[in-house]
Amino acid sequence: TAVVSLRFGCGGTARPRVRIVRGADERIVDLAPAGDAIELPL
């Protein structure tokens, strides 16, 4: 199982309660204004 890191940019605005889903894997995160890296298994 690999760990895939997704790097999101938010354009300087915070994004609360964003849900990221790939298949059965799910993350609910608060993206910071500067962006965040989210890890999902593959």
Full PDB file with SEQRES, HELIX, SHEET, SSBOND, CRYST1, ORIGX, SCALE, CONECT and MASTER records, all heavy atoms in Angstrom:
SEQRES   1 A   42  THR ALA VAL VAL SER LEU ARG PHE GLY CYS GLY GLY THR          
SEQRES   2 A   42  ALA ARG PRO ARG VAL ARG ILE VAL ARG GLY ALA ASP GLU          
SEQRES   3 A   42  ARG ILE VAL ASP LEU ALA PRO ALA GLY ASP ALA ILE GLU          
SEQRES   4 A   42  LEU PRO LEU                                                  
SHEET    1 AA1 2 VAL A   3  PHE A   8  0                                        
SHEET    2 AA1 2 ASP A  36  PRO A  41 -1                                        
SHEET    1 AA2 2 ARG A  15  ARG A  22  0                                        
SHEET    2 AA2 2 ASP A  25  LEU A  31 -1                                        
CRYST1    1.000    1.000    1.000  90.00  90.00  90.00 P 1           1          
ORIGX1      1.000000  0.000000  0.000000        0.00000                         
ORIGX2      0.000000  1.000000  0.000000        0.00000                         
ORIGX3      0.000000  0.000000  1.000000        0.00000                         
SCALE1      1.000000  0.000000  0.000000        0.00000                         
SCALE2      0.000000  1.000000  0.000000        0.00000                         
SCALE3      0.000000  0.000000  1.000000        0.00000                         
ATOM      1  N   THR A   1       0.844  -1.191   0.000  1.00  0.00           N  
ATOM      2  CA  THR A   1       0.000   0.000   0.000  1.00  0.00           C  
ATOM      3  C   THR A   1       0.876   1.236   0.000  1.00  0.00           C  
ATOM      4  O   THR A   1       1.687   1.427   0.911  1.00  0.00           O  
ATOM      5  CB  THR A   1      -0.940   0.019   1.224  1.00  0.00           C  
ATOM      6  OG1 THR A   1      -1.767  -1.145   1.177  1.00  0.00           O  
ATOM      7  CG2 THR A   1      -1.820   1.257   1.202  1.00  0.00           C  
ATOM      8  N   ALA A   2       0.715   2.054  -1.035  1.00  0.00           N  
ATOM      9  CA  ALA A   2       1.460   3.306  -1.123  1.00  0.00           C  
ATOM     10  C   ALA A   2       0.668   4.422  -0.442  1.00  0.00           C  
ATOM     11  O   ALA A   2      -0.553   4.342  -0.303  1.00  0.00           O  
ATOM     12  CB  ALA A   2       1.719   3.666  -2.584  1.00  0.00           C  
ATOM     13  N   VAL A   3       1.374   5.456  -0.026  1.00  0.00           N  
ATOM     14  CA  VAL A   3       0.757   6.646   0.549  1.00  0.00           C  
ATOM     15  C   VAL A   3       0.894   7.775  -0.458  1.00  0.00           C  
ATOM     16  O   VAL A   3       2.006   8.178  -0.811  1.00  0.00           O  
ATOM     17  CB  VAL A   3       1.418   7.025   1.891  1.00  0.00           C  
ATOM     18  CG1 VAL A   3       0.811   8.313   2.431  1.00  0.00           C  
ATOM     19  CG2 VAL A   3       1.251   5.903   2.904  1.00  0.00           C  
ATOM     20  N   VAL A   4      -0.246   8.255  -0.943  1.00  0.00           N  
ATOM     21  CA  VAL A   4      -0.273   9.323  -1.939  1.00  0.00           C  
ATOM     22  C   VAL A   4      -0.517  10.641  -1.221  1.00  0.00           C  
ATOM     23  O   VAL A   4      -1.467  10.769  -0.438  1.00  0.00           O  
ATOM     24  CB  VAL A   4      -1.367   9.068  -2.991  1.00  0.00           C  
ATOM     25  CG1 VAL A   4      -1.440  10.212  -3.984  1.00  0.00           C  
ATOM     26  CG2 VAL A   4      -1.104   7.758  -3.714  1.00  0.00           C  
ATOM     27  N   SER A   5       0.354  11.606  -1.468  1.00  0.00           N  
ATOM     28  CA  SER A   5       0.246  12.920  -0.844  1.00  0.00           C  
ATOM     29  C   SER A   5      -0.318  13.906  -1.861  1.00  0.00           C  
ATOM     30  O   SER A   5       0.275  14.119  -2.925  1.00  0.00           O  
ATOM     31  CB  SER A   5       1.613  13.390  -0.346  1.00  0.00           C  
ATOM     32  OG  SER A   5       1.527  14.683   0.209  1.00  0.00           O  
ATOM     33  N   LEU A   6      -1.477  14.495  -1.536  1.00  0.00           N  
ATOM     34  CA  LEU A   6      -2.121  15.492  -2.385  1.00  0.00           C  
ATOM     35  C   LEU A   6      -1.860  16.876  -1.799  1.00  0.00           C  
ATOM     36  O   LEU A   6      -2.201  17.134  -0.643  1.00  0.00           O  
ATOM     37  CB  LEU A   6      -3.630  15.244  -2.468  1.00  0.00           C  
ATOM     38  CG  LEU A   6      -4.080  13.854  -2.924  1.00  0.00           C  
ATOM     39  CD1 LEU A   6      -5.570  13.709  -2.761  1.00  0.00           C  
ATOM     40  CD2 LEU A   6      -3.675  13.611  -4.347  1.00  0.00           C  
ATOM     41  N   ARG A   7      -1.282  17.736  -2.600  1.00  0.00           N  
ATOM     42  CA  ARG A   7      -1.007  19.094  -2.151  1.00  0.00           C  
ATOM     43  C   ARG A   7      -2.039  20.042  -2.742  1.00  0.00           C  
ATOM     44  O   ARG A   7      -2.143  20.194  -3.955  1.00  0.00           O  
ATOM     45  CB  ARG A   7       0.395  19.525  -2.589  1.00  0.00           C  
ATOM     46  CG  ARG A   7       0.764  20.963  -2.199  1.00  0.00           C  
ATOM     47  CD  ARG A   7       0.906  21.103  -0.700  1.00  0.00           C  
ATOM     48  NE  ARG A   7       1.074  22.497  -0.291  1.00  0.00           N  
ATOM     49  CZ  ARG A   7       1.240  22.889   0.951  1.00  0.00           C  
ATOM     50  NH1 ARG A   7       1.280  21.993   1.926  1.00  0.00           N  
ATOM     51  NH2 ARG A   7       1.371  24.160   1.257  1.00  0.00           N  
ATOM     52  N   PHE A   8      -2.854  20.658  -1.859  1.00  0.00           N  
ATOM     53  CA  PHE A   8      -3.909  21.578  -2.272  1.00  0.00           C  
ATOM     54  C   PHE A   8      -3.511  23.010  -1.955  1.00  0.00           C  
ATOM     55  O   PHE A   8      -2.993  23.290  -0.872  1.00  0.00           O  
ATOM     56  CB  PHE A   8      -5.230  21.253  -1.566  1.00  0.00           C  
ATOM     57  CG  PHE A   8      -5.889  19.997  -2.031  1.00  0.00           C  
ATOM     58  CD1 PHE A   8      -5.701  18.806  -1.345  1.00  0.00           C  
ATOM     59  CD2 PHE A   8      -6.702  19.999  -3.149  1.00  0.00           C  
ATOM     60  CE1 PHE A   8      -6.309  17.640  -1.780  1.00  0.00           C  
ATOM     61  CE2 PHE A   8      -7.319  18.840  -3.585  1.00  0.00           C  
ATOM     62  CZ  PHE A   8      -7.117  17.669  -2.905  1.00  0.00           C  
ATOM     63  N   GLY A   9      -3.767  23.918  -2.898  1.00  0.00           N  
ATOM     64  CA  GLY A   9      -3.643  25.340  -2.663  1.00  0.00           C  
ATOM     65  C   GLY A   9      -5.014  25.959  -2.508  1.00  0.00           C  
ATOM     66  O   GLY A   9      -5.977  25.541  -3.159  1.00  0.00           O  
ATOM     67  N   CYS A  10      -5.138  26.950  -1.633  1.00  0.00           N  
ATOM     68  CA  CYS A  10      -6.448  27.521  -1.299  1.00  0.00           C  
ATOM     69  C   CYS A  10      -6.576  28.992  -1.677  1.00  0.00           C  
ATOM     70  O   CYS A  10      -7.583  29.626  -1.341  1.00  0.00           O  
ATOM     71  CB  CYS A  10      -6.731  27.344   0.194  1.00  0.00           C  
ATOM     72  SG  CYS A  10      -6.830  25.617   0.704  1.00  0.00           S  
ATOM     73  N   GLY A  11      -5.572  29.560  -2.333  1.00  0.00           N  
ATOM     74  CA  GLY A  11      -5.671  30.948  -2.756  1.00  0.00           C  
ATOM     75  C   GLY A  11      -5.744  31.939  -1.620  1.00  0.00           C  
ATOM     76  O   GLY A  11      -6.338  33.013  -1.766  1.00  0.00           O  
ATOM     77  N   GLY A  12      -5.167  31.605  -0.464  1.00  0.00           N  
ATOM     78  CA  GLY A  12      -5.156  32.519   0.658  1.00  0.00           C  
ATOM     79  C   GLY A  12      -6.421  32.551   1.482  1.00  0.00           C  
ATOM     80  O   GLY A  12      -6.562  33.398   2.367  1.00  0.00           O  
ATOM     81  N   THR A  13      -7.370  31.646   1.224  1.00  0.00           N  
ATOM     82  CA  THR A  13      -8.632  31.599   1.970  1.00  0.00           C  
ATOM     83  C   THR A  13      -8.780  30.233   2.625  1.00  0.00           C  
ATOM     84  O   THR A  13      -8.599  29.206   1.972  1.00  0.00           O  
ATOM     85  CB  THR A  13      -9.829  31.859   1.047  1.00  0.00           C  
ATOM     86  OG1 THR A  13      -9.643  33.101   0.371  1.00  0.00           O  
ATOM     87  CG2 THR A  13     -11.119  31.899   1.833  1.00  0.00           C  
ATOM     88  N   ALA A  14      -9.118  30.223   3.892  1.00  0.00           N  
ATOM     89  CA  ALA A  14      -9.333  28.957   4.597  1.00  0.00           C  
ATOM     90  C   ALA A  14     -10.568  28.248   4.052  1.00  0.00           C  
ATOM     91  O   ALA A  14     -11.568  28.885   3.715  1.00  0.00           O  
ATOM     92  CB  ALA A  14      -9.485  29.208   6.098  1.00  0.00           C  
ATOM     93  N   ARG A  15     -10.504  26.937   3.971  1.00  0.00           N  
ATOM     94  CA  ARG A  15     -11.608  26.110   3.474  1.00  0.00           C  
ATOM     95  C   ARG A  15     -11.993  25.095   4.548  1.00  0.00           C  
ATOM     96  O   ARG A  15     -11.393  24.026   4.661  1.00  0.00           O  
ATOM     97  CB  ARG A  15     -11.215  25.379   2.192  1.00  0.00           C  
ATOM     98  CG  ARG A  15     -10.508  26.249   1.167  1.00  0.00           C  
ATOM     99  CD  ARG A  15     -11.447  27.221   0.515  1.00  0.00           C  
ATOM    100  NE  ARG A  15     -10.734  28.112  -0.390  1.00  0.00           N  
ATOM    101  CZ  ARG A  15     -11.261  28.623  -1.482  1.00  0.00           C  
ATOM    102  NH1 ARG A  15     -12.517  28.348  -1.791  1.00  0.00           N  
ATOM    103  NH2 ARG A  15     -10.557  29.440  -2.249  1.00  0.00           N  
ATOM    104  N   PRO A  16     -13.008  25.402   5.362  1.00  0.00           N  
ATOM    105  CA  PRO A  16     -13.377  24.479   6.445  1.00  0.00           C  
ATOM    106  C   PRO A  16     -14.210  23.304   5.945  1.00  0.00           C  
ATOM    107  O   PRO A  16     -14.960  23.412   4.971  1.00  0.00           O  
ATOM    108  CB  PRO A  16     -14.190  25.370   7.397  1.00  0.00           C  
ATOM    109  CG  PRO A  16     -14.755  26.429   6.517  1.00  0.00           C  
ATOM    110  CD  PRO A  16     -13.764  26.668   5.421  1.00  0.00           C  
ATOM    111  N   ARG A  17     -14.036  22.183   6.601  1.00  0.00           N  
ATOM    112  CA  ARG A  17     -14.871  20.987   6.422  1.00  0.00           C  
ATOM    113  C   ARG A  17     -14.934  20.542   4.960  1.00  0.00           C  
ATOM    114  O   ARG A  17     -16.007  20.375   4.375  1.00  0.00           O  
ATOM    115  CB  ARG A  17     -16.270  21.223   6.966  1.00  0.00           C  
ATOM    116  CG  ARG A  17     -16.325  21.737   8.386  1.00  0.00           C  
ATOM    117  CD  ARG A  17     -15.723  20.757   9.368  1.00  0.00           C  
ATOM    118  NE  ARG A  17     -16.482  19.520   9.426  1.00  0.00           N  
ATOM    119  CZ  ARG A  17     -16.079  18.418  10.057  1.00  0.00           C  
ATOM    120  NH1 ARG A  17     -14.900  18.391  10.644  1.00  0.00           N  
ATOM    121  NH2 ARG A  17     -16.840  17.347  10.088  1.00  0.00           N  
ATOM    122  N   VAL A  18     -13.760  20.335   4.361  1.00  0.00           N  
ATOM    123  CA  VAL A  18     -13.677  19.823   2.998  1.00  0.00           C  
ATOM    124  C   VAL A  18     -13.518  18.304   3.073  1.00  0.00           C  
ATOM    125  O   VAL A  18     -12.659  17.798   3.790  1.00  0.00           O  
ATOM    126  CB  VAL A  18     -12.512  20.463   2.227  1.00  0.00           C  
ATOM    127  CG1 VAL A  18     -12.362  19.829   0.851  1.00  0.00           C  
ATOM    128  CG2 VAL A  18     -12.732  21.962   2.093  1.00  0.00           C  
ATOM    129  N   ARG A  19     -14.330  17.607   2.318  1.00  0.00           N  
ATOM    130  CA  ARG A  19     -14.333  16.138   2.338  1.00  0.00           C  
ATOM    131  C   ARG A  19     -13.658  15.628   1.071  1.00  0.00           C  
ATOM    132  O   ARG A  19     -14.062  15.970  -0.038  1.00  0.00           O  
ATOM    133  CB  ARG A  19     -15.775  15.635   2.427  1.00  0.00           C  
ATOM    134  CG  ARG A  19     -15.942  14.120   2.494  1.00  0.00           C  
ATOM    135  CD  ARG A  19     -17.385  13.798   2.837  1.00  0.00           C  
ATOM    136  NE  ARG A  19     -17.687  12.385   2.761  1.00  0.00           N  
ATOM    137  CZ  ARG A  19     -18.371  11.812   1.780  1.00  0.00           C  
ATOM    138  NH1 ARG A  19     -18.834  12.567   0.784  1.00  0.00           N  
ATOM    139  NH2 ARG A  19     -18.616  10.518   1.787  1.00  0.00           N  
ATOM    140  N   ILE A  20     -12.618  14.806   1.242  1.00  0.00           N  
ATOM    141  CA  ILE A  20     -11.856  14.248   0.126  1.00  0.00           C  
ATOM    142  C   ILE A  20     -12.030  12.740   0.153  1.00  0.00           C  
ATOM    143  O   ILE A  20     -11.722  12.091   1.164  1.00  0.00           O  
ATOM    144  CB  ILE A  20     -10.375  14.632   0.222  1.00  0.00           C  
ATOM    145  CG1 ILE A  20     -10.240  16.166   0.247  1.00  0.00           C  
ATOM    146  CG2 ILE A  20      -9.579  14.052  -0.935  1.00  0.00           C  
ATOM    147  CD1 ILE A  20      -8.847  16.634   0.558  1.00  0.00           C  
ATOM    148  N   VAL A  21     -12.530  12.180  -0.947  1.00  0.00           N  
ATOM    149  CA  VAL A  21     -12.876  10.756  -0.986  1.00  0.00           C  
ATOM    150  C   VAL A  21     -12.222  10.122  -2.208  1.00  0.00           C  
ATOM    151  O   VAL A  21     -12.284  10.663  -3.324  1.00  0.00           O  
ATOM    152  CB  VAL A  21     -14.404  10.553  -1.046  1.00  0.00           C  
ATOM    153  CG1 VAL A  21     -14.739   9.065  -1.106  1.00  0.00           C  
ATOM    154  CG2 VAL A  21     -15.075  11.193   0.154  1.00  0.00           C  
ATOM    155  N   ARG A  22     -11.598   8.979  -1.981  1.00  0.00           N  
ATOM    156  CA  ARG A  22     -11.128   8.126  -3.072  1.00  0.00           C  
ATOM    157  C   ARG A  22     -11.520   6.690  -2.735  1.00  0.00           C  
ATOM    158  O   ARG A  22     -10.960   6.075  -1.849  1.00  0.00           O  
ATOM    159  CB  ARG A  22      -9.624   8.205  -3.268  1.00  0.00           C  
ATOM    160  CG  ARG A  22      -9.144   7.340  -4.442  1.00  0.00           C  
ATOM    161  CD  ARG A  22      -7.652   7.202  -4.475  1.00  0.00           C  
ATOM    162  NE  ARG A  22      -7.253   6.346  -5.575  1.00  0.00           N  
ATOM    163  CZ  ARG A  22      -7.235   5.008  -5.525  1.00  0.00           C  
ATOM    164  NH1 ARG A  22      -7.599   4.394  -4.406  1.00  0.00           N  
ATOM    165  NH2 ARG A  22      -6.876   4.293  -6.573  1.00  0.00           N  
ATOM    166  N   GLY A  23     -12.518   6.164  -3.454  1.00  0.00           N  
ATOM    167  CA  GLY A  23     -13.004   4.829  -3.148  1.00  0.00           C  
ATOM    168  C   GLY A  23     -13.584   4.760  -1.755  1.00  0.00           C  
ATOM    169  O   GLY A  23     -14.475   5.519  -1.386  1.00  0.00           O  
ATOM    170  N   ALA A  24     -13.046   3.849  -0.932  1.00  0.00           N  
ATOM    171  CA  ALA A  24     -13.518   3.702   0.447  1.00  0.00           C  
ATOM    172  C   ALA A  24     -12.752   4.577   1.423  1.00  0.00           C  
ATOM    173  O   ALA A  24     -13.071   4.585   2.616  1.00  0.00           O  
ATOM    174  CB  ALA A  24     -13.412   2.232   0.874  1.00  0.00           C  
ATOM    175  N   ASP A  25     -11.748   5.297   0.944  1.00  0.00           N  
ATOM    176  CA  ASP A  25     -10.936   6.146   1.818  1.00  0.00           C  
ATOM    177  C   ASP A  25     -11.499   7.563   1.833  1.00  0.00           C  
ATOM    178  O   ASP A  25     -11.812   8.129   0.776  1.00  0.00           O  
ATOM    179  CB  ASP A  25      -9.486   6.176   1.338  1.00  0.00           C  
ATOM    180  CG  ASP A  25      -8.878   4.786   1.289  1.00  0.00           C  
ATOM    181  OD1 ASP A  25      -8.981   4.072   2.308  1.00  0.00           O  
ATOM    182  OD2 ASP A  25      -8.335   4.412   0.241  1.00  0.00           O  
ATOM    183  N   GLU A  26     -11.595   8.136   3.018  1.00  0.00           N  
ATOM    184  CA  GLU A  26     -12.232   9.440   3.181  1.00  0.00           C  
ATOM    185  C   GLU A  26     -11.474  10.267   4.211  1.00  0.00           C  
ATOM    186  O   GLU A  26     -11.001   9.752   5.218  1.00  0.00           O  
ATOM    187  CB  GLU A  26     -13.685   9.254   3.630  1.00  0.00           C  
ATOM    188  CG  GLU A  26     -14.417  10.550   3.934  1.00  0.00           C  
ATOM    189  CD  GLU A  26     -15.836  10.311   4.417  1.00  0.00           C  
ATOM    190  OE1 GLU A  26     -16.366   9.207   4.157  1.00  0.00           O  
ATOM    191  OE2 GLU A  26     -16.415  11.200   5.050  1.00  0.00           O  
ATOM    192  N   ARG A  27     -11.326  11.562   3.909  1.00  0.00           N  
ATOM    193  CA  ARG A  27     -10.735  12.512   4.842  1.00  0.00           C  
ATOM    194  C   ARG A  27     -11.614  13.757   4.880  1.00  0.00           C  
ATOM    195  O   ARG A  27     -12.043  14.252   3.844  1.00  0.00           O  
ATOM    196  CB  ARG A  27      -9.316  12.918   4.408  1.00  0.00           C  
ATOM    197  CG  ARG A  27      -8.319  11.788   4.349  1.00  0.00           C  
ATOM    198  CD  ARG A  27      -7.899  11.333   5.733  1.00  0.00           C  
ATOM    199  NE  ARG A  27      -6.813  10.363   5.646  1.00  0.00           N  
ATOM    200  CZ  ARG A  27      -6.968   9.074   5.450  1.00  0.00           C  
ATOM    201  NH1 ARG A  27      -8.203   8.590   5.314  1.00  0.00           N  
ATOM    202  NH2 ARG A  27      -5.930   8.264   5.384  1.00  0.00           N  
ATOM    203  N   ILE A  28     -11.881  14.254   6.081  1.00  0.00           N  
ATOM    204  CA  ILE A  28     -12.578  15.535   6.263  1.00  0.00           C  
ATOM    205  C   ILE A  28     -11.587  16.464   6.945  1.00  0.00           C  
ATOM    206  O   ILE A  28     -11.182  16.221   8.082  1.00  0.00           O  
ATOM    207  CB  ILE A  28     -13.867  15.374   7.087  1.00  0.00           C  
ATOM    208  CG1 ILE A  28     -14.842  14.432   6.371  1.00  0.00           C  
ATOM    209  CG2 ILE A  28     -14.530  16.731   7.310  1.00  0.00           C  
ATOM    210  CD1 ILE A  28     -16.130  14.192   7.128  1.00  0.00           C  
ATOM    211  N   VAL A  29     -11.188  17.515   6.237  1.00  0.00           N  
ATOM    212  CA  VAL A  29     -10.105  18.368   6.711  1.00  0.00           C  
ATOM    213  C   VAL A  29     -10.514  19.833   6.617  1.00  0.00           C  
ATOM    214  O   VAL A  29     -11.423  20.202   5.869  1.00  0.00           O  
ATOM    215  CB  VAL A  29      -8.815  18.134   5.885  1.00  0.00           C  
ATOM    216  CG1 VAL A  29      -8.306  16.716   6.085  1.00  0.00           C  
ATOM    217  CG2 VAL A  29      -9.071  18.398   4.409  1.00  0.00           C  
ATOM    218  N   ASP A  30      -9.819  20.650   7.396  1.00  0.00           N  
ATOM    219  CA  ASP A  30      -9.916  22.102   7.299  1.00  0.00           C  
ATOM    220  C   ASP A  30      -8.648  22.594   6.603  1.00  0.00           C  
ATOM    221  O   ASP A  30      -7.559  22.579   7.200  1.00  0.00           O  
ATOM    222  CB  ASP A  30     -10.041  22.735   8.689  1.00  0.00           C  
ATOM    223  CG  ASP A  30     -11.329  22.329   9.396  1.00  0.00           C  
ATOM    224  OD1 ASP A  30     -12.334  22.113   8.698  1.00  0.00           O  
ATOM    225  OD2 ASP A  30     -11.324  22.231  10.642  1.00  0.00           O  
ATOM    226  N   LEU A  31      -8.775  23.000   5.351  1.00  0.00           N  
ATOM    227  CA  LEU A  31      -7.613  23.444   4.587  1.00  0.00           C  
ATOM    228  C   LEU A  31      -7.202  24.839   5.031  1.00  0.00           C  
ATOM    229  O   LEU A  31      -8.028  25.752   5.104  1.00  0.00           O  
ATOM    230  CB  LEU A  31      -7.932  23.432   3.089  1.00  0.00           C  
ATOM    231  CG  LEU A  31      -8.277  22.063   2.477  1.00  0.00           C  
ATOM    232  CD1 LEU A  31      -8.568  22.200   0.997  1.00  0.00           C  
ATOM    233  CD2 LEU A  31      -7.150  21.070   2.703  1.00  0.00           C  
ATOM    234  N   ALA A  32      -5.930  25.012   5.314  1.00  0.00           N  
ATOM    235  CA  ALA A  32      -5.399  26.294   5.755  1.00  0.00           C  
ATOM    236  C   ALA A  32      -5.325  27.263   4.576  1.00  0.00           C  
ATOM    237  O   ALA A  32      -5.309  26.840   3.413  1.00  0.00           O  
ATOM    238  CB  ALA A  32      -4.012  26.101   6.370  1.00  0.00           C  
ATOM    239  N   PRO A  33      -5.285  28.572   4.842  1.00  0.00           N  
ATOM    240  CA  PRO A  33      -5.199  29.545   3.736  1.00  0.00           C  
ATOM    241  C   PRO A  33      -3.997  29.327   2.828  1.00  0.00           C  
ATOM    242  O   PRO A  33      -4.074  29.567   1.623  1.00  0.00           O  
ATOM    243  CB  PRO A  33      -5.121  30.887   4.472  1.00  0.00           C  
ATOM    244  CG  PRO A  33      -5.775  30.642   5.787  1.00  0.00           C  
ATOM    245  CD  PRO A  33      -5.440  29.232   6.148  1.00  0.00           C  
ATOM    246  N   ALA A  34      -2.874  28.880   3.387  1.00  0.00           N  
ATOM    247  CA  ALA A  34      -1.678  28.650   2.578  1.00  0.00           C  
ATOM    248  C   ALA A  34      -1.698  27.294   1.878  1.00  0.00           C  
ATOM    249  O   ALA A  34      -0.783  26.982   1.119  1.00  0.00           O  
ATOM    250  CB  ALA A  34      -0.427  28.757   3.457  1.00  0.00           C  
ATOM    251  N   GLY A  35      -2.726  26.484   2.121  1.00  0.00           N  
ATOM    252  CA  GLY A  35      -2.795  25.161   1.515  1.00  0.00           C  
ATOM    253  C   GLY A  35      -2.386  24.075   2.490  1.00  0.00           C  
ATOM    254  O   GLY A  35      -1.823  24.342   3.558  1.00  0.00           O  
ATOM    255  N   ASP A  36      -2.660  22.833   2.116  1.00  0.00           N  
ATOM    256  CA  ASP A  36      -2.351  21.682   2.971  1.00  0.00           C  
ATOM    257  C   ASP A  36      -2.033  20.484   2.109  1.00  0.00           C  
ATOM    258  O   ASP A  36      -2.412  20.416   0.926  1.00  0.00           O  
ATOM    259  CB  ASP A  36      -3.531  21.345   3.885  1.00  0.00           C  
ATOM    260  CG  ASP A  36      -3.420  22.018   5.247  1.00  0.00           C  
ATOM    261  OD1 ASP A  36      -2.292  22.058   5.770  1.00  0.00           O  
ATOM    262  OD2 ASP A  36      -4.441  22.506   5.760  1.00  0.00           O  
ATOM    263  N   ALA A  37      -1.334  19.510   2.701  1.00  0.00           N  
ATOM    264  CA  ALA A  37      -1.048  18.230   2.059  1.00  0.00           C  
ATOM    265  C   ALA A  37      -1.894  17.152   2.736  1.00  0.00           C  
ATOM    266  O   ALA A  37      -1.861  17.011   3.956  1.00  0.00           O  
ATOM    267  CB  ALA A  37       0.433  17.890   2.152  1.00  0.00           C  
ATOM    268  N   ILE A  38      -2.649  16.413   1.944  1.00  0.00           N  
ATOM    269  CA  ILE A  38      -3.527  15.354   2.444  1.00  0.00           C  
ATOM    270  C   ILE A  38      -2.985  14.016   1.955  1.00  0.00           C  
ATOM    271  O   ILE A  38      -2.632  13.871   0.779  1.00  0.00           O  
ATOM    272  CB  ILE A  38      -4.976  15.561   1.952  1.00  0.00           C  
ATOM    273  CG1 ILE A  38      -5.439  16.988   2.230  1.00  0.00           C  
ATOM    274  CG2 ILE A  38      -5.898  14.552   2.619  1.00  0.00           C  
ATOM    275  CD1 ILE A  38      -5.398  17.385   3.676  1.00  0.00           C  
ATOM    276  N   GLU A  39      -2.915  13.027   2.844  1.00  0.00           N  
ATOM    277  CA  GLU A  39      -2.396  11.710   2.500  1.00  0.00           C  
ATOM    278  C   GLU A  39      -3.532  10.695   2.428  1.00  0.00           C  
ATOM    279  O   GLU A  39      -4.375  10.633   3.323  1.00  0.00           O  
ATOM    280  CB  GLU A  39      -1.353  11.251   3.525  1.00  0.00           C  
ATOM    281  CG  GLU A  39      -0.081  12.088   3.507  1.00  0.00           C  
ATOM    282  CD  GLU A  39       0.977  11.548   4.445  1.00  0.00           C  
ATOM    283  OE1 GLU A  39       0.624  10.672   5.276  1.00  0.00           O  
ATOM    284  OE2 GLU A  39       2.137  11.990   4.358  1.00  0.00           O  
ATOM    285  N   LEU A  40      -3.517   9.919   1.348  1.00  0.00           N  
ATOM    286  CA  LEU A  40      -4.500   8.860   1.144  1.00  0.00           C  
ATOM    287  C   LEU A  40      -3.772   7.575   0.745  1.00  0.00           C  
ATOM    288  O   LEU A  40      -2.769   7.627   0.019  1.00  0.00           O  
ATOM    289  CB  LEU A  40      -5.502   9.236   0.049  1.00  0.00           C  
ATOM    290  CG  LEU A  40      -6.507  10.350   0.367  1.00  0.00           C  
ATOM    291  CD1 LEU A  40      -7.348  10.655  -0.864  1.00  0.00           C  
ATOM    292  CD2 LEU A  40      -7.406   9.972   1.522  1.00  0.00           C  
ATOM    293  N   PRO A  41      -4.238   6.405   1.190  1.00  0.00           N  
ATOM    294  CA  PRO A  41      -3.600   5.149   0.792  1.00  0.00           C  
ATOM    295  C   PRO A  41      -3.978   4.753  -0.632  1.00  0.00           C  
ATOM    296  O   PRO A  41      -5.057   5.065  -1.120  1.00  0.00           O  
ATOM    297  CB  PRO A  41      -4.147   4.143   1.814  1.00  0.00           C  
ATOM    298  CG  PRO A  41      -5.469   4.709   2.228  1.00  0.00           C  
ATOM    299  CD  PRO A  41      -5.329   6.204   2.167  1.00  0.00           C  
ATOM    300  N   LEU A  42      -3.050   4.067  -1.295  1.00  0.00           N  
ATOM    301  CA  LEU A  42      -3.268   3.573  -2.655  1.00  0.00           C  
ATOM    302  C   LEU A  42      -2.712   2.161  -2.736  1.00  0.00           C  
ATOM    303  O   LEU A  42      -1.524   1.934  -2.485  1.00  0.00           O  
ATOM    304  CB  LEU A  42      -2.584   4.481  -3.685  1.00  0.00           C  
ATOM    305  CG  LEU A  42      -2.577   3.973  -5.127  1.00  0.00           C  
ATOM    306  CD1 LEU A  42      -3.996   3.935  -5.686  1.00  0.00           C  
ATOM    307  CD2 LEU A  42      -1.687   4.849  -6.005  1.00  0.00           C  
TER     308      LEU A  42                                                      
MASTER        0    0    0    0    4    0    0    6  307    1    0    4          
END                                                                             
